[in-house]
């Protein structure tokens, strides 16, 4: 039995409303993954365990979903995309560098970097 024109319009409107709310729900779920994931620290350079002959080294990376981040206990600043860059003094022998980050919910993460100074 064919549907009437009015019934077809109602079904089309209902389908559009369902698709619209489906898109809103999918977007909300995708954005909530950031809150579930917690903070993350990425170190781009130098490579963990590398050796340097320079008395200073620049450490670069990105911090995602963080409210505060510290490098060896000293707060560092990040840009709007989470990128950071800090220079530190390297001593002879093994240098342990610790990055600690915390998000707005109090969850935290820690990354450690070992560098060998041959000065």
PDB file of N, CA and C in Angstrom:
ATOM      1  N   UNK A   1       0.840  -1.168   0.000  1.00  0.00           N
ATOM      2  CA  UNK A   1       0.000   0.000   0.000  1.00  0.00           C
ATOM      3  C   UNK A   1       0.889   1.236   0.000  1.00  0.00           C
ATOM      4  N   UNK A   2       0.761   2.118  -0.969  1.00  0.00           N
ATOM      5  CA  UNK A   2       1.572   3.327  -1.043  1.00  0.00           C
ATOM      6  C   UNK A   2       1.193   4.311   0.066  1.00  0.00           C
ATOM      7  N   UNK A   3       2.248   5.037   0.538  1.00  0.00           N
ATOM      8  CA  UNK A   3       2.030   6.027   1.582  1.00  0.00           C
ATOM      9  C   UNK A   3       1.558   7.339   0.964  1.00  0.00           C
ATOM     10  N   UNK A   4       0.798   8.080   1.737  1.00  0.00           N
ATOM     11  CA  UNK A   4       0.310   9.367   1.235  1.00  0.00           C
ATOM     12  C   UNK A   4       1.431  10.404   1.281  1.00  0.00           C
ATOM     13  N   UNK A   5       1.228  11.484   0.596  1.00  0.00           N
ATOM     14  CA  UNK A   5       2.219  12.561   0.546  1.00  0.00           C
ATOM     15  C   UNK A   5       2.489  13.123   1.942  1.00  0.00           C
ATOM     16  N   UNK A   6       1.475  13.296   2.751  1.00  0.00           N
ATOM     17  CA  UNK A   6       1.615  13.817   4.104  1.00  0.00           C
ATOM     18  C   UNK A   6       2.426  12.846   4.968  1.00  0.00           C
ATOM     19  N   UNK A   7       2.184  11.576   4.827  1.00  0.00           N
ATOM     20  CA  UNK A   7       2.923  10.574   5.590  1.00  0.00           C
ATOM     21  C   UNK A   7       4.392  10.572   5.180  1.00  0.00           C
ATOM     22  N   UNK A   8       4.664  10.693   3.897  1.00  0.00           N
ATOM     23  CA  UNK A   8       6.046  10.764   3.423  1.00  0.00           C
ATOM     24  C   UNK A   8       6.766  11.981   4.000  1.00  0.00           C
ATOM     25  N   UNK A   9       6.103  13.117   4.048  1.00  0.00           N
ATOM     26  CA  UNK A   9       6.713  14.324   4.623  1.00  0.00           C
ATOM     27  C   UNK A   9       7.014  14.150   6.102  1.00  0.00           C
ATOM     28  N   UNK A  10       6.087  13.534   6.815  1.00  0.00           N
ATOM     29  CA  UNK A  10       6.298  13.306   8.243  1.00  0.00           C
ATOM     30  C   UNK A  10       7.480  12.365   8.474  1.00  0.00           C
ATOM     31  N   UNK A  11       7.555  11.318   7.679  1.00  0.00           N
ATOM     32  CA  UNK A  11       8.669  10.386   7.807  1.00  0.00           C
ATOM     33  C   UNK A  11       9.991  11.058   7.462  1.00  0.00           C
ATOM     34  N   UNK A  12      10.006  11.901   6.449  1.00  0.00           N
ATOM     35  CA  UNK A  12      11.211  12.633   6.072  1.00  0.00           C
ATOM     36  C   UNK A  12      11.640  13.591   7.187  1.00  0.00           C
ATOM     37  N   UNK A  13      10.689  14.309   7.771  1.00  0.00           N
ATOM     38  CA  UNK A  13      11.000  15.212   8.885  1.00  0.00           C
ATOM     39  C   UNK A  13      11.546  14.428  10.080  1.00  0.00           C
ATOM     40  N   UNK A  14      10.934  13.280  10.368  1.00  0.00           N
ATOM     41  CA  UNK A  14      11.399  12.454  11.479  1.00  0.00           C
ATOM     42  C   UNK A  14      12.817  11.948  11.216  1.00  0.00           C
ATOM     43  N   UNK A  15      13.096  11.537   9.994  1.00  0.00           N
ATOM     44  CA  UNK A  15      14.428  11.072   9.630  1.00  0.00           C
ATOM     45  C   UNK A  15      15.459  12.189   9.772  1.00  0.00           C
ATOM     46  N   UNK A  16      15.107  13.393   9.348  1.00  0.00           N
ATOM     47  CA  UNK A  16      16.020  14.532   9.470  1.00  0.00           C
ATOM     48  C   UNK A  16      16.296  14.839  10.941  1.00  0.00           C
ATOM     49  N   UNK A  17      15.278  14.816  11.770  1.00  0.00           N
ATOM     50  CA  UNK A  17      15.447  15.074  13.203  1.00  0.00           C
ATOM     51  C   UNK A  17      16.336  13.990  13.833  1.00  0.00           C
ATOM     52  N   UNK A  18      16.126  12.728  13.469  1.00  0.00           N
ATOM     53  CA  UNK A  18      16.936  11.637  14.012  1.00  0.00           C
ATOM     54  C   UNK A  18      18.392  11.788  13.594  1.00  0.00           C
ATOM     55  N   UNK A  19      18.636  12.123  12.331  1.00  0.00           N
ATOM     56  CA  UNK A  19      20.002  12.331  11.852  1.00  0.00           C
ATOM     57  C   UNK A  19      20.641  13.509  12.578  1.00  0.00           C
ATOM     58  N   UNK A  20      19.916  14.600  12.749  1.00  0.00           N
ATOM     59  CA  UNK A  20      20.431  15.790  13.431  1.00  0.00           C
ATOM     60  C   UNK A  20      20.857  15.462  14.861  1.00  0.00           C
ATOM     61  N   UNK A  21      19.984  14.793  15.602  1.00  0.00           N
ATOM     62  CA  UNK A  21      20.328  14.449  16.976  1.00  0.00           C
ATOM     63  C   UNK A  21      21.416  13.388  17.032  1.00  0.00           C
ATOM     64  N   UNK A  22      21.475  12.515  16.052  1.00  0.00           N
ATOM     65  CA  UNK A  22      22.553  11.528  15.978  1.00  0.00           C
ATOM     66  C   UNK A  22      23.901  12.202  15.815  1.00  0.00           C
ATOM     67  N   UNK A  23      23.957  13.237  14.970  1.00  0.00           N
ATOM     68  CA  UNK A  23      25.203  13.983  14.779  1.00  0.00           C
ATOM     69  C   UNK A  23      25.605  14.694  16.064  1.00  0.00           C
ATOM     70  N   UNK A  24      24.654  15.296  16.750  1.00  0.00           N
ATOM     71  CA  UNK A  24      24.949  15.982  18.016  1.00  0.00           C
ATOM     72  C   UNK A  24      25.472  14.994  19.061  1.00  0.00           C
ATOM     73  N   UNK A  25      24.854  13.846  19.163  1.00  0.00           N
ATOM     74  CA  UNK A  25      25.285  12.844  20.139  1.00  0.00           C
ATOM     75  C   UNK A  25      26.678  12.311  19.788  1.00  0.00           C
ATOM     76  N   UNK A  26      26.924  12.047  18.511  1.00  0.00           N
ATOM     77  CA  UNK A  26      28.248  11.559  18.089  1.00  0.00           C
ATOM     78  C   UNK A  26      29.328  12.601  18.386  1.00  0.00           C
ATOM     79  N   UNK A  27      29.034  13.873  18.148  1.00  0.00           N
ATOM     80  CA  UNK A  27      29.995  14.932  18.442  1.00  0.00           C
ATOM     81  C   UNK A  27      30.273  15.010  19.946  1.00  0.00           C
ATOM     82  N   UNK A  28      29.232  14.943  20.751  1.00  0.00           N
ATOM     83  CA  UNK A  28      29.406  15.009  22.208  1.00  0.00           C
ATOM     84  C   UNK A  28      30.240  13.839  22.717  1.00  0.00           C
ATOM     85  N   UNK A  29      30.026  12.663  22.180  1.00  0.00           N
ATOM     86  CA  UNK A  29      30.803  11.496  22.597  1.00  0.00           C
ATOM     87  C   UNK A  29      32.261  11.657  22.199  1.00  0.00           C
ATOM     88  N   UNK A  30      32.499  12.139  20.963  1.00  0.00           N
ATOM     89  CA  UNK A  30      33.892  12.297  20.519  1.00  0.00           C
ATOM     90  C   UNK A  30      34.628  13.340  21.354  1.00  0.00           C
ATOM     91  N   UNK A  31      33.961  14.407  21.749  1.00  0.00           N
ATOM     92  CA  UNK A  31      34.595  15.431  22.584  1.00  0.00           C
ATOM     93  C   UNK A  31      34.813  14.946  24.013  1.00  0.00           C
ATOM     94  N   UNK A  32      33.988  14.051  24.500  1.00  0.00           N
ATOM     95  CA  UNK A  32      34.143  13.569  25.870  1.00  0.00           C
ATOM     96  C   UNK A  32      35.324  12.619  26.020  1.00  0.00           C
ATOM     97  N   UNK A  33      35.830  12.050  24.935  1.00  0.00           N
ATOM     98  CA  UNK A  33      36.995  11.180  25.025  1.00  0.00           C
ATOM     99  C   UNK A  33      38.199  11.927  25.576  1.00  0.00           C
ATOM    100  N   UNK A  34      38.303  13.235  25.319  1.00  0.00           N
ATOM    101  CA  UNK A  34      39.404  14.025  25.868  1.00  0.00           C
ATOM    102  C   UNK A  34      39.384  14.011  27.389  1.00  0.00           C
ATOM    103  N   UNK A  35      38.205  14.060  27.981  1.00  0.00           N
ATOM    104  CA  UNK A  35      38.107  14.069  29.436  1.00  0.00           C
ATOM    105  C   UNK A  35      38.390  12.691  30.020  1.00  0.00           C
ATOM    106  N   UNK A  36      38.029  11.663  29.305  1.00  0.00           N
ATOM    107  CA  UNK A  36      38.243  10.302  29.776  1.00  0.00           C
ATOM    108  C   UNK A  36      39.719   9.918  29.664  1.00  0.00           C
ATOM    109  N   UNK A  37      40.399  10.433  28.650  1.00  0.00           N
ATOM    110  CA  UNK A  37      41.776  10.026  28.362  1.00  0.00           C
ATOM    111  C   UNK A  37      42.780  10.452  29.423  1.00  0.00           C
ATOM    112  N   UNK A  38      42.604  11.595  30.020  1.00  0.00           N
ATOM    113  CA  UNK A  38      43.573  12.077  30.997  1.00  0.00           C
ATOM    114  C   UNK A  38      44.736  12.788  30.330  1.00  0.00           C
ATOM    115  N   UNK A  39      45.691  13.292  31.118  1.00  0.00           N
ATOM    116  CA  UNK A  39      46.808  14.054  30.553  1.00  0.00           C
ATOM    117  C   UNK A  39      47.800  13.148  29.824  1.00  0.00           C
ATOM    118  N   UNK A  40      48.508  13.750  28.867  1.00  0.00           N
ATOM    119  CA  UNK A  40      49.502  13.009  28.087  1.00  0.00           C
ATOM    120  C   UNK A  40      50.693  13.919  27.811  1.00  0.00           C
ATOM    121  N   UNK A  41      51.893  13.358  27.935  1.00  0.00           N
ATOM    122  CA  UNK A  41      53.130  14.101  27.653  1.00  0.00           C
ATOM    123  C   UNK A  41      53.863  13.390  26.522  1.00  0.00           C
ATOM    124  N   UNK A  42      54.230  14.153  25.502  1.00  0.00           N
ATOM    125  CA  UNK A  42      55.040  13.626  24.402  1.00  0.00           C
ATOM    126  C   UNK A  42      56.356  14.396  24.375  1.00  0.00           C
ATOM    127  N   UNK A  43      57.467  13.674  24.285  1.00  0.00           N
ATOM    128  CA  UNK A  43      58.782  14.304  24.182  1.00  0.00           C
ATOM    129  C   UNK A  43      59.293  14.054  22.766  1.00  0.00           C
ATOM    130  N   UNK A  44      59.521  15.141  22.025  1.00  0.00           N
ATOM    131  CA  UNK A  44      59.983  15.030  20.642  1.00  0.00           C
ATOM    132  C   UNK A  44      61.498  14.918  20.552  1.00  0.00           C
ATOM    133  N   UNK A  45      62.177  15.736  21.324  1.00  0.00           N
ATOM    134  CA  UNK A  45      63.640  15.664  21.330  1.00  0.00           C
ATOM    135  C   UNK A  45      64.167  16.181  22.642  1.00  0.00           C
ATOM    136  N   UNK A  46      65.278  15.715  23.098  1.00  0.00           N
ATOM    137  CA  UNK A  46      66.141  14.678  22.544  1.00  0.00           C
ATOM    138  C   UNK A  46      65.570  13.288  22.801  1.00  0.00           C
ATOM    139  N   UNK A  47      66.176  12.306  22.177  1.00  0.00           N
ATOM    140  CA  UNK A  47      65.756  10.921  22.339  1.00  0.00           C
ATOM    141  C   UNK A  47      66.235  10.408  23.698  1.00  0.00           C
ATOM    142  N   UNK A  48      65.385   9.649  24.358  1.00  0.00           N
ATOM    143  CA  UNK A  48      65.725   9.083  25.662  1.00  0.00           C
ATOM    144  C   UNK A  48      66.991   8.228  25.555  1.00  0.00           C
ATOM    145  N   UNK A  49      67.940   8.452  26.460  1.00  0.00           N
ATOM    146  CA  UNK A  49      69.181   7.696  26.484  1.00  0.00           C
ATOM    147  C   UNK A  49      70.270   8.253  25.585  1.00  0.00           C
ATOM    148  N   UNK A  50      69.993   9.398  24.940  1.00  0.00           N
ATOM    149  CA  UNK A  50      71.008   9.958  24.043  1.00  0.00           C
ATOM    150  C   UNK A  50      72.137  10.622  24.825  1.00  0.00           C
ATOM    151  N   UNK A  51      73.248  10.836  24.128  1.00  0.00           N
ATOM    152  CA  UNK A  51      74.442  11.438  24.708  1.00  0.00           C
ATOM    153  C   UNK A  51      74.652  12.812  24.104  1.00  0.00           C
ATOM    154  N   UNK A  52      75.083  13.765  24.935  1.00  0.00           N
ATOM    155  CA  UNK A  52      75.348  15.116  24.449  1.00  0.00           C
ATOM    156  C   UNK A  52      76.706  15.598  24.961  1.00  0.00           C
ATOM    157  N   UNK A  53      77.354  16.399  24.138  1.00  0.00           N
ATOM    158  CA  UNK A  53      78.625  17.006  24.551  1.00  0.00           C
ATOM    159  C   UNK A  53      78.433  18.477  24.890  1.00  0.00           C
ATOM    160  N   UNK A  54      77.240  18.970  24.713  1.00  0.00           N
ATOM    161  CA  UNK A  54      76.922  20.364  24.994  1.00  0.00           C
ATOM    162  C   UNK A  54      76.550  20.526  26.475  1.00  0.00           C
ATOM    163  N   UNK A  55      76.901  21.663  27.087  1.00  0.00           N
ATOM    164  CA  UNK A  55      76.529  21.869  28.494  1.00  0.00           C
ATOM    165  C   UNK A  55      75.034  22.172  28.688  1.00  0.00           C
ATOM    166  N   UNK A  56      74.353  22.528  27.606  1.00  0.00           N
ATOM    167  CA  UNK A  56      72.898  22.746  27.685  1.00  0.00           C
ATOM    168  C   UNK A  56      72.222  21.959  26.579  1.00  0.00           C
ATOM    169  N   UNK A  57      70.980  21.610  26.820  1.00  0.00           N
ATOM    170  CA  UNK A  57      70.186  20.898  25.823  1.00  0.00           C
ATOM    171  C   UNK A  57      68.768  21.465  25.854  1.00  0.00           C
ATOM    172  N   UNK A  58      68.153  21.526  24.677  1.00  0.00           N
ATOM    173  CA  UNK A  58      66.777  21.993  24.569  1.00  0.00           C
ATOM    174  C   UNK A  58      65.865  20.780  24.466  1.00  0.00           C
ATOM    175  N   UNK A  59      64.895  20.718  25.345  1.00  0.00           N
ATOM    176  CA  UNK A  59      63.920  19.635  25.355  1.00  0.00           C
ATOM    177  C   UNK A  59      62.623  20.189  24.776  1.00  0.00           C
ATOM    178  N   UNK A  60      62.053  19.461  23.808  1.00  0.00           N
ATOM    179  CA  UNK A  60      60.823  19.897  23.150  1.00  0.00           C
ATOM    180  C   UNK A  60      59.786  18.790  23.206  1.00  0.00           C
ATOM    181  N   UNK A  61      58.532  19.190  23.279  1.00  0.00           N
ATOM    182  CA  UNK A  61      57.473  18.198  23.291  1.00  0.00           C
ATOM    183  C   UNK A  61      56.107  18.834  23.246  1.00  0.00           C
ATOM    184  N   UNK A  62      55.127  18.017  23.575  1.00  0.00           N
ATOM    185  CA  UNK A  62      53.741  18.467  23.588  1.00  0.00           C
ATOM    186  C   UNK A  62      53.038  17.854  24.790  1.00  0.00           C
ATOM    187  N   UNK A  63      52.215  18.645  25.427  1.00  0.00           N
ATOM    188  CA  UNK A  63      51.411  18.180  26.555  1.00  0.00           C
ATOM    189  C   UNK A  63      49.942  18.323  26.165  1.00  0.00           C
ATOM    190  N   UNK A  64      49.209  17.231  26.249  1.00  0.00           N
ATOM    191  CA  UNK A  64      47.805  17.228  25.861  1.00  0.00           C
ATOM    192  C   UNK A  64      46.916  17.082  27.086  1.00  0.00           C
ATOM    193  N   UNK A  65      45.858  17.855  27.120  1.00  0.00           N
ATOM    194  CA  UNK A  65      44.849  17.808  28.181  1.00  0.00           C
ATOM    195  C   UNK A  65      45.459  18.045  29.560  1.00  0.00           C
ATOM    196  N   UNK A  66      46.282  19.076  29.701  1.00  0.00           N
ATOM    197  CA  UNK A  66      46.924  19.378  30.983  1.00  0.00           C
ATOM    198  C   UNK A  66      46.542  20.779  31.464  1.00  0.00           C
ATOM    199  N   UNK A  67      46.521  20.937  32.771  1.00  0.00           N
ATOM    200  CA  UNK A  67      46.346  22.253  33.384  1.00  0.00           C
ATOM    201  C   UNK A  67      47.674  22.823  33.840  1.00  0.00           C
ATOM    202  N   UNK A  68      48.550  21.924  34.303  1.00  0.00           N
ATOM    203  CA  UNK A  68      49.882  22.378  34.699  1.00  0.00           C
ATOM    204  C   UNK A  68      50.890  21.287  34.382  1.00  0.00           C
ATOM    205  N   UNK A  69      52.103  21.733  34.074  1.00  0.00           N
ATOM    206  CA  UNK A  69      53.178  20.809  33.733  1.00  0.00           C
ATOM    207  C   UNK A  69      54.468  21.351  34.335  1.00  0.00           C
ATOM    208  N   UNK A  70      55.296  20.448  34.850  1.00  0.00           N
ATOM    209  CA  UNK A  70      56.571  20.856  35.443  1.00  0.00           C
ATOM    210  C   UNK A  70      57.699  20.044  34.830  1.00  0.00           C
ATOM    211  N   UNK A  71      58.856  20.663  34.773  1.00  0.00           N
ATOM    212  CA  UNK A  71      60.087  20.018  34.322  1.00  0.00           C
ATOM    213  C   UNK A  71      61.048  20.054  35.500  1.00  0.00           C
ATOM    214  N   UNK A  72      61.344  18.880  36.068  1.00  0.00           N
ATOM    215  CA  UNK A  72      62.169  18.772  37.281  1.00  0.00           C
ATOM    216  C   UNK A  72      61.638  19.667  38.404  1.00  0.00           C
ATOM    217  N   UNK A  73      60.321  19.727  38.539  1.00  0.00           N
ATOM    218  CA  UNK A  73      59.691  20.492  39.604  1.00  0.00           C
ATOM    219  C   UNK A  73      59.458  21.956  39.293  1.00  0.00           C
ATOM    220  N   UNK A  74      59.981  22.455  38.170  1.00  0.00           N
ATOM    221  CA  UNK A  74      59.812  23.864  37.796  1.00  0.00           C
ATOM    222  C   UNK A  74      58.684  23.987  36.766  1.00  0.00           C
ATOM    223  N   UNK A  75      57.673  24.824  37.039  1.00  0.00           N
ATOM    224  CA  UNK A  75      56.572  24.974  36.075  1.00  0.00           C
ATOM    225  C   UNK A  75      57.082  25.492  34.723  1.00  0.00           C
ATOM    226  N   UNK A  76      56.539  24.929  33.661  1.00  0.00           N
ATOM    227  CA  UNK A  76      56.870  25.402  32.324  1.00  0.00           C
ATOM    228  C   UNK A  76      55.585  25.826  31.628  1.00  0.00           C
ATOM    229  N   UNK A  77      55.716  26.696  30.649  1.00  0.00           N
ATOM    230  CA  UNK A  77      54.535  27.181  29.940  1.00  0.00           C
ATOM    231  C   UNK A  77      54.372  26.436  28.622  1.00  0.00           C
ATOM    232  N   UNK A  78      53.125  26.310  28.214  1.00  0.00           N
ATOM    233  CA  UNK A  78      52.804  25.658  26.953  1.00  0.00           C
ATOM    234  C   UNK A  78      51.963  26.612  26.117  1.00  0.00           C
ATOM    235  N   UNK A  79      51.996  26.431  24.790  1.00  0.00           N
ATOM    236  CA  UNK A  79      51.168  27.277  23.934  1.00  0.00           C
ATOM    237  C   UNK A  79      49.760  26.696  23.837  1.00  0.00           C
ATOM    238  N   UNK A  80      48.918  27.321  23.005  1.00  0.00           N
ATOM    239  CA  UNK A  80      47.513  26.917  22.929  1.00  0.00           C
ATOM    240  C   UNK A  80      47.318  25.500  22.386  1.00  0.00           C
ATOM    241  N   UNK A  81      48.312  24.960  21.688  1.00  0.00           N
ATOM    242  CA  UNK A  81      48.218  23.588  21.178  1.00  0.00           C
ATOM    243  C   UNK A  81      48.980  22.596  22.048  1.00  0.00           C
ATOM    244  N   UNK A  82      49.548  23.071  23.148  1.00  0.00           N
ATOM    245  CA  UNK A  82      50.226  22.203  24.095  1.00  0.00           C
ATOM    246  C   UNK A  82      51.712  22.026  23.861  1.00  0.00           C
ATOM    247  N   UNK A  83      52.282  22.722  22.879  1.00  0.00           N
ATOM    248  CA  UNK A  83      53.713  22.578  22.606  1.00  0.00           C
ATOM    249  C   UNK A  83      54.533  23.348  23.639  1.00  0.00           C
ATOM    250  N   UNK A  84      55.689  22.801  23.980  1.00  0.00           N
ATOM    251  CA  UNK A  84      56.586  23.444  24.942  1.00  0.00           C
ATOM    252  C   UNK A  84      58.022  23.208  24.502  1.00  0.00           C
ATOM    253  N   UNK A  85      58.900  24.074  25.001  1.00  0.00           N
ATOM    254  CA  UNK A  85      60.328  23.999  24.701  1.00  0.00           C
ATOM    255  C   UNK A  85      61.068  24.610  25.873  1.00  0.00           C
ATOM    256  N   UNK A  86      62.012  23.860  26.433  1.00  0.00           N
ATOM    257  CA  UNK A  86      62.780  24.327  27.584  1.00  0.00           C
ATOM    258  C   UNK A  86      64.243  23.938  27.422  1.00  0.00           C
ATOM    259  N   UNK A  87      65.137  24.827  27.823  1.00  0.00           N
ATOM    260  CA  UNK A  87      66.567  24.529  27.832  1.00  0.00           C
ATOM    261  C   UNK A  87      66.997  24.241  29.263  1.00  0.00           C
ATOM    262  N   UNK A  88      67.833  23.208  29.432  1.00  0.00           N
ATOM    263  CA  UNK A  88      68.326  22.859  30.761  1.00  0.00           C
ATOM    264  C   UNK A  88      69.832  22.620  30.699  1.00  0.00           C
ATOM    265  N   UNK A  89      70.457  22.710  31.850  1.00  0.00           N
ATOM    266  CA  UNK A  89      71.895  22.457  31.969  1.00  0.00           C
ATOM    267  C   UNK A  89      72.110  20.955  32.124  1.00  0.00           C
ATOM    268  N   UNK A  90      73.092  20.447  31.404  1.00  0.00           N
ATOM    269  CA  UNK A  90      73.441  19.025  31.475  1.00  0.00           C
ATOM    270  C   UNK A  90      74.781  18.887  32.193  1.00  0.00           C
ATOM    271  N   UNK A  91      74.836  17.978  33.138  1.00  0.00           N
ATOM    272  CA  UNK A  91      76.053  17.715  33.890  1.00  0.00           C
ATOM    273  C   UNK A  91      76.732  16.451  33.367  1.00  0.00           C
ATOM    274  N   UNK A  92      77.978  16.266  33.739  1.00  0.00           N
ATOM    275  CA  UNK A  92      78.730  15.068  33.361  1.00  0.00           C
ATOM    276  C   UNK A  92      78.022  13.833  33.908  1.00  0.00           C
ATOM    277  N   UNK A  93      77.888  12.802  33.097  1.00  0.00           N
ATOM    278  CA  UNK A  93      77.265  11.557  33.539  1.00  0.00           C
ATOM    279  C   UNK A  93      75.783  11.514  33.221  1.00  0.00           C
ATOM    280  N   UNK A  94      75.058  10.687  33.968  1.00  0.00           N
ATOM    281  CA  UNK A  94      73.636  10.480  33.728  1.00  0.00           C
ATOM    282  C   UNK A  94      72.810  11.618  34.321  1.00  0.00           C
ATOM    283  N   UNK A  95      71.924  12.188  33.510  1.00  0.00           N
ATOM    284  CA  UNK A  95      71.007  13.238  33.932  1.00  0.00           C
ATOM    285  C   UNK A  95      69.589  12.712  33.791  1.00  0.00           C
ATOM    286  N   UNK A  96      68.839  12.694  34.887  1.00  0.00           N
ATOM    287  CA  UNK A  96      67.443  12.251  34.854  1.00  0.00           C
ATOM    288  C   UNK A  96      66.551  13.482  34.845  1.00  0.00           C
ATOM    289  N   UNK A  97      65.747  13.596  33.801  1.00  0.00           N
ATOM    290  CA  UNK A  97      64.822  14.720  33.665  1.00  0.00           C
ATOM    291  C   UNK A  97      63.414  14.165  33.830  1.00  0.00           C
ATOM    292  N   UNK A  98      62.612  14.805  34.677  1.00  0.00           N
ATOM    293  CA  UNK A  98      61.259  14.338  34.958  1.00  0.00           C
ATOM    294  C   UNK A  98      60.255  15.409  34.559  1.00  0.00           C
ATOM    295  N   UNK A  99      59.296  15.003  33.745  1.00  0.00           N
ATOM    296  CA  UNK A  99      58.171  15.868  33.374  1.00  0.00           C
ATOM    297  C   UNK A  99      56.935  15.325  34.062  1.00  0.00           C
ATOM    298  N   UNK A 100      56.216  16.205  34.739  1.00  0.00           N
ATOM    299  CA  UNK A 100      55.024  15.820  35.477  1.00  0.00           C
ATOM    300  C   UNK A 100      53.881  16.728  35.027  1.00  0.00           C
ATOM    301  N   UNK A 101      52.745  16.126  34.680  1.00  0.00           N
ATOM    302  CA  UNK A 101      51.592  16.911  34.230  1.00  0.00           C
ATOM    303  C   UNK A 101      50.343  16.480  34.974  1.00  0.00           C
ATOM    304  N   UNK A 102      49.451  17.453  35.166  1.00  0.00           N
ATOM    305  CA  UNK A 102      48.193  17.204  35.858  1.00  0.00           C
ATOM    306  C   UNK A 102      47.064  17.859  35.077  1.00  0.00           C
ATOM    307  N   UNK A 103      45.914  17.188  35.014  1.00  0.00           N
ATOM    308  CA  UNK A 103      44.766  17.772  34.311  1.00  0.00           C
ATOM    309  C   UNK A 103      43.810  18.429  35.299  1.00  0.00           C
ATOM    310  N   UNK A 104      42.696  18.921  34.773  1.00  0.00           N
ATOM    311  CA  UNK A 104      41.745  19.668  35.607  1.00  0.00           C
ATOM    312  C   UNK A 104      41.013  18.793  36.618  1.00  0.00           C
ATOM    313  N   UNK A 105      41.074  17.473  36.455  1.00  0.00           N
ATOM    314  CA  UNK A 105      40.404  16.562  37.378  1.00  0.00           C
ATOM    315  C   UNK A 105      41.354  15.964  38.411  1.00  0.00           C
ATOM    316  N   UNK A 106      42.621  16.416  38.399  1.00  0.00           N
ATOM    317  CA  UNK A 106      43.604  15.921  39.359  1.00  0.00           C
ATOM    318  C   UNK A 106      44.329  14.664  38.907  1.00  0.00           C
ATOM    319  N   UNK A 107      44.006  14.159  37.729  1.00  0.00           N
ATOM    320  CA  UNK A 107      44.743  12.998  37.216  1.00  0.00           C
ATOM    321  C   UNK A 107      46.110  13.465  36.744  1.00  0.00           C
ATOM    322  N   UNK A 108      47.108  12.604  36.878  1.00  0.00           N
ATOM    323  CA  UNK A 108      48.456  13.032  36.522  1.00  0.00           C
ATOM    324  C   UNK A 108      49.193  11.953  35.745  1.00  0.00           C
ATOM    325  N   UNK A 109      50.272  12.382  35.126  1.00  0.00           N
ATOM    326  CA  UNK A 109      51.156  11.480  34.407  1.00  0.00           C
ATOM    327  C   UNK A 109      52.575  11.990  34.550  1.00  0.00           C
ATOM    328  N   UNK A 110      53.533  11.077  34.357  1.00  0.00           N
ATOM    329  CA  UNK A 110      54.942  11.432  34.508  1.00  0.00           C
ATOM    330  C   UNK A 110      55.727  10.774  33.382  1.00  0.00           C
ATOM    331  N   UNK A 111      56.642  11.523  32.801  1.00  0.00           N
ATOM    332  CA  UNK A 111      57.564  10.992  31.793  1.00  0.00           C
ATOM    333  C   UNK A 111      58.981  11.286  32.262  1.00  0.00           C
ATOM    334  N   UNK A 112      59.848  10.312  32.111  1.00  0.00           N
ATOM    335  CA  UNK A 112      61.245  10.504  32.502  1.00  0.00           C
ATOM    336  C   UNK A 112      62.135  10.390  31.279  1.00  0.00           C
ATOM    337  N   UNK A 113      63.164  11.225  31.265  1.00  0.00           N
ATOM    338  CA  UNK A 113      64.106  11.277  30.160  1.00  0.00           C
ATOM    339  C   UNK A 113      65.511  11.153  30.736  1.00  0.00           C
ATOM    340  N   UNK A 114      66.275  10.210  30.217  1.00  0.00           N
ATOM    341  CA  UNK A 114      67.660  10.029  30.655  1.00  0.00           C
ATOM    342  C   UNK A 114      68.591  10.545  29.574  1.00  0.00           C
ATOM    343  N   UNK A 115      69.486  11.460  29.946  1.00  0.00           N
ATOM    344  CA  UNK A 115      70.475  11.999  29.029  1.00  0.00           C
ATOM    345  C   UNK A 115      71.846  11.823  29.642  1.00  0.00           C
ATOM    346  N   UNK A 116      72.815  11.472  28.815  1.00  0.00           N
ATOM    347  CA  UNK A 116      74.182  11.281  29.289  1.00  0.00           C
ATOM    348  C   UNK A 116      75.009  12.463  28.828  1.00  0.00           C
ATOM    349  N   UNK A 117      75.640  13.166  29.769  1.00  0.00           N
ATOM    350  CA  UNK A 117      76.489  14.296  29.456  1.00  0.00           C
ATOM    351  C   UNK A 117      77.946  13.878  29.372  1.00  0.00           C
ATOM    352  N   UNK A 118      78.564  14.168  28.241  1.00  0.00           N
ATOM    353  CA  UNK A 118      79.997  13.899  28.056  1.00  0.00           C
ATOM    354  C   UNK A 118      80.668  15.236  27.779  1.00  0.00           C
ATOM    355  N   UNK A 119      80.822  16.000  28.827  1.00  0.00           N
ATOM    356  CA  UNK A 119      81.325  17.374  28.693  1.00  0.00           C
ATOM    357  C   UNK A 119      82.817  17.412  28.960  1.00  0.00           C
TER     358      UNK A 119
END
